[in-house]
Amino acid sequence: MPKDDFDHDPDGPDRGREHLEVLRETIARNRDLGWEEYDESYAFTILGDGTIRVSAANDGTGNGDRDRDGIDRPIEREVEHLVSLEEGQVVDCNCHVAQRPVGRPSCRHMRAVEAHPRL
């Protein structure tokens, strides 16, 4: 399914690709990413008080959705997610991983916003 089909559902941006999101989250947790890696991977847009849009960073090559080899793979595709803040603290994300009923509600998008030096 093309990336654009997922971009238009802010309530369920990962619908149809939940298994891929769980894999991506597992990889991200195992890599223990820092701000530099998040900065390379994501673009941050403040939408309003308490909401940050986290989307794939455009690396200037036009390959924002492609892996390092320039190959478009579903596991490499990142869709836009909304991270919520309350009193300056990250509290929620609309991604599948953060919405699961098990474990601490945390995801790579929330960790990326937490790591951002100016948010």
N, C-alpha and C. Protein backbone atom coordinates (compact mmCIF):
# COMPACT_ATOMS: atom_id res chain seq x y z
N MET A 1 0.84 -1.17 0.00
CA MET A 1 0.00 0.00 0.00
C MET A 1 0.89 1.24 0.00
N PRO A 2 0.66 2.21 -0.83
CA PRO A 2 1.49 3.40 -0.88
C PRO A 2 1.43 4.19 0.42
N LYS A 3 2.50 4.90 0.71
CA LYS A 3 2.60 5.69 1.93
C LYS A 3 1.43 6.66 2.07
N ASP A 4 1.00 7.30 0.99
CA ASP A 4 -0.05 8.29 1.06
C ASP A 4 -1.35 7.75 1.64
N ASP A 5 -1.59 6.45 1.49
CA ASP A 5 -2.82 5.87 2.02
C ASP A 5 -2.85 5.93 3.53
N PHE A 6 -1.70 6.00 4.21
CA PHE A 6 -1.66 6.04 5.66
C PHE A 6 -1.64 7.47 6.19
N ASP A 7 -1.19 8.41 5.41
CA ASP A 7 -1.01 9.77 5.89
C ASP A 7 -2.30 10.48 6.23
N HIS A 8 -3.43 9.99 5.78
CA HIS A 8 -4.68 10.71 5.94
C HIS A 8 -5.52 10.21 7.10
N ASP A 9 -4.96 9.44 8.00
CA ASP A 9 -5.69 8.93 9.14
C ASP A 9 -4.95 9.27 10.42
N PRO A 10 -5.14 10.49 10.94
CA PRO A 10 -4.39 10.90 12.13
C PRO A 10 -4.72 10.07 13.37
N ASP A 11 -5.88 9.44 13.40
CA ASP A 11 -6.24 8.63 14.56
C ASP A 11 -5.62 7.24 14.50
N GLY A 12 -5.26 6.78 13.32
CA GLY A 12 -4.66 5.46 13.16
C GLY A 12 -3.63 5.46 12.06
N PRO A 13 -2.54 6.23 12.23
CA PRO A 13 -1.56 6.36 11.15
C PRO A 13 -0.86 5.05 10.79
N ASP A 14 -0.87 4.08 11.71
CA ASP A 14 -0.18 2.82 11.46
C ASP A 14 -1.11 1.71 11.00
N ARG A 15 -2.37 2.03 10.79
CA ARG A 15 -3.35 1.02 10.40
C ARG A 15 -2.87 0.24 9.18
N GLY A 16 -2.84 -1.07 9.31
CA GLY A 16 -2.40 -1.93 8.23
C GLY A 16 -0.91 -2.25 8.26
N ARG A 17 -0.19 -1.59 9.12
CA ARG A 17 1.25 -1.82 9.21
C ARG A 17 1.71 -1.96 10.66
N GLU A 18 0.81 -2.38 11.52
CA GLU A 18 1.12 -2.51 12.94
C GLU A 18 2.31 -3.43 13.20
N HIS A 19 2.35 -4.55 12.48
CA HIS A 19 3.47 -5.49 12.67
C HIS A 19 4.81 -4.83 12.32
N LEU A 20 4.83 -4.00 11.31
CA LEU A 20 6.06 -3.29 10.95
C LEU A 20 6.44 -2.27 12.01
N GLU A 21 5.45 -1.62 12.58
CA GLU A 21 5.74 -0.63 13.62
C GLU A 21 6.31 -1.29 14.87
N VAL A 22 5.82 -2.48 15.20
CA VAL A 22 6.38 -3.20 16.35
C VAL A 22 7.83 -3.57 16.08
N LEU A 23 8.14 -4.01 14.86
CA LEU A 23 9.53 -4.32 14.50
C LEU A 23 10.41 -3.08 14.56
N ARG A 24 9.92 -1.98 14.02
CA ARG A 24 10.71 -0.74 14.04
C ARG A 24 10.97 -0.28 15.45
N GLU A 25 9.95 -0.42 16.31
CA GLU A 25 10.12 -0.02 17.71
C GLU A 25 11.14 -0.90 18.40
N THR A 26 11.09 -2.20 18.15
CA THR A 26 12.06 -3.12 18.75
C THR A 26 13.48 -2.76 18.32
N ILE A 27 13.65 -2.48 17.05
CA ILE A 27 14.96 -2.08 16.54
C ILE A 27 15.42 -0.78 17.21
N ALA A 28 14.53 0.19 17.31
CA ALA A 28 14.88 1.48 17.90
C ALA A 28 15.25 1.33 19.37
N ARG A 29 14.50 0.52 20.11
CA ARG A 29 14.81 0.31 21.54
C ARG A 29 16.17 -0.37 21.70
N ASN A 30 16.47 -1.33 20.85
CA ASN A 30 17.74 -2.04 20.95
C ASN A 30 18.93 -1.16 20.56
N ARG A 31 18.70 -0.18 19.73
CA ARG A 31 19.79 0.71 19.32
C ARG A 31 20.04 1.82 20.32
N ASP A 32 19.11 2.07 21.24
CA ASP A 32 19.26 3.10 22.26
C ASP A 32 19.70 4.42 21.62
N LEU A 33 18.84 4.96 20.76
CA LEU A 33 19.15 6.14 19.97
C LEU A 33 19.31 7.39 20.81
N GLY A 34 20.16 8.28 20.34
CA GLY A 34 20.37 9.58 20.96
C GLY A 34 19.83 10.67 20.06
N TRP A 35 19.98 11.93 20.49
CA TRP A 35 19.43 13.05 19.73
C TRP A 35 19.96 13.09 18.30
N GLU A 36 21.21 12.79 18.07
CA GLU A 36 21.78 12.88 16.72
C GLU A 36 21.04 11.95 15.75
N GLU A 37 20.75 10.74 16.20
CA GLU A 37 20.04 9.78 15.33
C GLU A 37 18.60 10.22 15.10
N TYR A 38 17.96 10.72 16.15
CA TYR A 38 16.58 11.21 15.97
C TYR A 38 16.56 12.40 15.03
N ASP A 39 17.55 13.28 15.16
CA ASP A 39 17.62 14.47 14.31
C ASP A 39 17.79 14.09 12.84
N GLU A 40 18.53 13.02 12.57
CA GLU A 40 18.71 12.55 11.19
C GLU A 40 17.44 11.89 10.65
N SER A 41 16.66 11.27 11.52
CA SER A 41 15.51 10.48 11.09
C SER A 41 14.19 11.25 11.03
N TYR A 42 14.04 12.26 11.89
CA TYR A 42 12.74 12.90 12.04
C TYR A 42 12.78 14.40 11.84
N ALA A 43 11.64 14.93 11.40
CA ALA A 43 11.39 16.37 11.37
C ALA A 43 10.29 16.64 12.38
N PHE A 44 10.39 17.74 13.11
CA PHE A 44 9.45 18.07 14.17
C PHE A 44 8.72 19.36 13.81
N THR A 45 7.40 19.33 13.94
CA THR A 45 6.58 20.51 13.66
C THR A 45 5.65 20.75 14.84
N ILE A 46 5.71 21.95 15.40
CA ILE A 46 4.80 22.29 16.50
C ILE A 46 3.46 22.67 15.88
N LEU A 47 2.42 21.91 16.21
CA LEU A 47 1.09 22.15 15.65
C LEU A 47 0.25 23.05 16.53
N GLY A 48 0.55 23.09 17.77
CA GLY A 48 -0.19 23.90 18.72
C GLY A 48 0.35 23.61 20.09
N ASP A 49 -0.20 24.28 21.06
CA ASP A 49 0.26 24.07 22.42
C ASP A 49 0.01 22.63 22.82
N GLY A 50 1.07 21.87 22.98
CA GLY A 50 0.95 20.49 23.43
C GLY A 50 0.89 19.44 22.36
N THR A 51 1.08 19.78 21.08
CA THR A 51 1.06 18.78 20.02
C THR A 51 2.24 19.00 19.07
N ILE A 52 3.00 17.93 18.87
CA ILE A 52 4.15 17.95 17.97
C ILE A 52 3.94 16.89 16.90
N ARG A 53 4.10 17.28 15.63
CA ARG A 53 4.05 16.30 14.54
C ARG A 53 5.47 15.80 14.31
N VAL A 54 5.62 14.48 14.32
CA VAL A 54 6.91 13.84 14.07
C VAL A 54 6.77 13.13 12.73
N SER A 55 7.57 13.55 11.76
CA SER A 55 7.51 12.96 10.42
C SER A 55 8.91 12.60 9.96
N ALA A 56 8.98 11.86 8.87
CA ALA A 56 10.28 11.45 8.33
C ALA A 56 11.06 12.68 7.88
N ALA A 57 12.34 12.71 8.23
CA ALA A 57 13.20 13.82 7.81
C ALA A 57 13.53 13.65 6.34
N ASN A 58 13.55 14.75 5.64
CA ASN A 58 13.99 14.73 4.25
C ASN A 58 15.48 15.02 4.27
N ASP A 59 16.25 14.05 3.83
CA ASP A 59 17.71 14.19 3.91
C ASP A 59 18.32 15.00 2.78
N GLY A 60 17.47 15.63 1.96
CA GLY A 60 17.97 16.44 0.87
C GLY A 60 18.21 15.65 -0.41
N THR A 61 18.10 14.33 -0.35
CA THR A 61 18.32 13.51 -1.53
C THR A 61 17.01 13.16 -2.22
N GLY A 62 15.90 13.51 -1.58
CA GLY A 62 14.61 13.11 -2.13
C GLY A 62 14.25 11.69 -1.73
N ASN A 63 15.07 11.09 -0.88
CA ASN A 63 14.85 9.71 -0.45
C ASN A 63 14.31 9.64 0.98
N GLY A 64 13.42 10.54 1.35
CA GLY A 64 12.90 10.57 2.71
C GLY A 64 12.29 9.26 3.16
N ASP A 65 11.78 8.46 2.24
CA ASP A 65 11.15 7.19 2.61
C ASP A 65 11.99 6.00 2.19
N ARG A 66 13.19 6.21 1.78
CA ARG A 66 14.03 5.13 1.28
C ARG A 66 15.15 4.84 2.27
N ASP A 67 15.64 3.60 2.23
CA ASP A 67 16.73 3.25 3.14
C ASP A 67 18.04 3.82 2.61
N ARG A 68 19.15 3.53 3.27
CA ARG A 68 20.44 4.10 2.90
C ARG A 68 20.89 3.70 1.49
N ASP A 69 20.37 2.58 0.97
CA ASP A 69 20.71 2.15 -0.38
C ASP A 69 19.80 2.78 -1.43
N GLY A 70 18.84 3.60 -0.99
CA GLY A 70 17.90 4.22 -1.92
C GLY A 70 16.76 3.31 -2.33
N ILE A 71 16.59 2.21 -1.62
CA ILE A 71 15.54 1.25 -1.94
C ILE A 71 14.34 1.50 -1.05
N ASP A 72 13.16 1.56 -1.67
CA ASP A 72 11.93 1.79 -0.92
C ASP A 72 11.45 0.47 -0.34
N ARG A 73 11.56 0.34 1.00
CA ARG A 73 11.13 -0.87 1.69
C ARG A 73 10.08 -0.49 2.71
N PRO A 74 9.03 -1.28 2.85
CA PRO A 74 7.98 -0.95 3.83
C PRO A 74 8.51 -0.75 5.24
N ILE A 75 9.50 -1.50 5.65
CA ILE A 75 10.03 -1.36 7.01
C ILE A 75 10.70 0.00 7.20
N GLU A 76 11.17 0.62 6.13
CA GLU A 76 11.85 1.91 6.23
C GLU A 76 10.89 3.09 6.18
N ARG A 77 9.66 2.87 5.76
CA ARG A 77 8.72 3.98 5.62
C ARG A 77 8.28 4.49 6.98
N GLU A 78 8.29 5.78 7.12
CA GLU A 78 7.84 6.42 8.35
C GLU A 78 6.68 7.33 7.98
N VAL A 79 5.59 7.21 8.70
CA VAL A 79 4.45 8.09 8.47
C VAL A 79 4.41 9.13 9.58
N GLU A 80 3.58 10.12 9.43
CA GLU A 80 3.49 11.18 10.43
C GLU A 80 2.76 10.69 11.68
N HIS A 81 3.28 11.09 12.82
CA HIS A 81 2.66 10.77 14.10
C HIS A 81 2.52 12.04 14.92
N LEU A 82 1.55 12.04 15.82
CA LEU A 82 1.32 13.18 16.69
C LEU A 82 1.68 12.81 18.12
N VAL A 83 2.56 13.59 18.70
CA VAL A 83 2.98 13.38 20.09
C VAL A 83 2.37 14.49 20.93
N SER A 84 1.78 14.12 22.05
CA SER A 84 1.13 15.08 22.94
C SER A 84 2.00 15.36 24.15
N LEU A 85 1.98 16.62 24.57
CA LEU A 85 2.70 17.05 25.77
C LEU A 85 1.72 17.67 26.75
N GLU A 86 2.00 17.49 28.03
CA GLU A 86 1.27 18.17 29.09
C GLU A 86 2.28 18.75 30.06
N GLU A 87 2.19 20.05 30.27
CA GLU A 87 3.12 20.75 31.16
C GLU A 87 4.57 20.45 30.80
N GLY A 88 4.86 20.41 29.51
CA GLY A 88 6.22 20.21 29.02
C GLY A 88 6.71 18.78 29.04
N GLN A 89 5.86 17.83 29.43
CA GLN A 89 6.24 16.43 29.48
C GLN A 89 5.51 15.65 28.39
N VAL A 90 6.22 14.73 27.74
CA VAL A 90 5.63 13.87 26.72
C VAL A 90 4.69 12.88 27.41
N VAL A 91 3.44 12.80 26.92
CA VAL A 91 2.47 11.92 27.58
C VAL A 91 1.82 10.91 26.64
N ASP A 92 1.83 11.16 25.33
CA ASP A 92 1.10 10.26 24.44
C ASP A 92 1.57 10.42 23.00
N CYS A 93 1.29 9.38 22.20
CA CYS A 93 1.55 9.39 20.77
C CYS A 93 0.42 8.60 20.12
N ASN A 94 0.07 8.96 18.90
CA ASN A 94 -1.01 8.24 18.22
C ASN A 94 -0.53 7.02 17.45
N CYS A 95 0.73 6.61 17.64
CA CYS A 95 1.23 5.43 16.94
C CYS A 95 0.72 4.15 17.60
N HIS A 96 0.78 3.06 16.87
CA HIS A 96 0.31 1.76 17.35
C HIS A 96 1.05 1.32 18.61
N VAL A 97 2.34 1.52 18.64
CA VAL A 97 3.15 1.05 19.77
C VAL A 97 2.73 1.73 21.07
N ALA A 98 2.54 3.05 21.04
CA ALA A 98 2.16 3.78 22.25
C ALA A 98 0.72 3.48 22.68
N GLN A 99 -0.11 3.03 21.76
CA GLN A 99 -1.52 2.77 22.07
C GLN A 99 -1.79 1.36 22.55
N ARG A 100 -0.78 0.49 22.51
CA ARG A 100 -0.99 -0.89 22.97
C ARG A 100 -1.29 -0.91 24.46
N PRO A 101 -2.14 -1.83 24.90
CA PRO A 101 -2.52 -1.86 26.31
C PRO A 101 -1.48 -2.51 27.23
N VAL A 102 -0.35 -2.94 26.69
CA VAL A 102 0.68 -3.59 27.50
C VAL A 102 1.91 -2.70 27.62
N GLY A 103 2.56 -2.76 28.74
CA GLY A 103 3.80 -2.02 28.91
C GLY A 103 3.60 -0.53 29.13
N ARG A 104 4.71 0.15 29.31
CA ARG A 104 4.70 1.60 29.50
C ARG A 104 4.34 2.28 28.18
N PRO A 105 3.43 3.24 28.18
CA PRO A 105 3.09 3.92 26.92
C PRO A 105 4.25 4.80 26.45
N SER A 106 5.13 4.21 25.67
CA SER A 106 6.29 4.92 25.16
C SER A 106 6.59 4.40 23.76
N CYS A 107 7.21 5.24 22.97
CA CYS A 107 7.58 4.85 21.61
C CYS A 107 8.74 5.70 21.15
N ARG A 108 9.28 5.38 19.98
CA ARG A 108 10.44 6.12 19.48
C ARG A 108 10.09 7.57 19.17
N HIS A 109 8.82 7.83 18.81
CA HIS A 109 8.40 9.21 18.52
C HIS A 109 8.40 10.04 19.80
N MET A 110 7.91 9.44 20.88
CA MET A 110 7.91 10.13 22.17
C MET A 110 9.33 10.35 22.66
N ARG A 111 10.20 9.35 22.50
CA ARG A 111 11.59 9.49 22.93
C ARG A 111 12.30 10.55 22.09
N ALA A 112 11.96 10.65 20.80
CA ALA A 112 12.57 11.66 19.93
C ALA A 112 12.20 13.06 20.40
N VAL A 113 10.93 13.27 20.76
CA VAL A 113 10.50 14.58 21.26
C VAL A 113 11.17 14.86 22.61
N GLU A 114 11.25 13.86 23.47
CA GLU A 114 11.92 14.04 24.77
C GLU A 114 13.40 14.42 24.57
N ALA A 115 14.03 13.86 23.56
CA ALA A 115 15.46 14.12 23.32
C ALA A 115 15.71 15.45 22.65
N HIS A 116 14.66 16.05 22.04
CA HIS A 116 14.82 17.31 21.31
C HIS A 116 15.30 18.40 22.28
N PRO A 117 16.39 19.08 21.95
CA PRO A 117 16.95 20.04 22.88
C PRO A 117 16.10 21.32 23.09
N ARG A 118 15.13 21.57 22.21
CA ARG A 118 14.36 22.81 22.33
C ARG A 118 12.86 22.62 22.48
N LEU A 119 12.42 21.39 22.65
CA LEU A 119 10.96 21.19 22.80
C LEU A 119 10.59 20.93 24.24
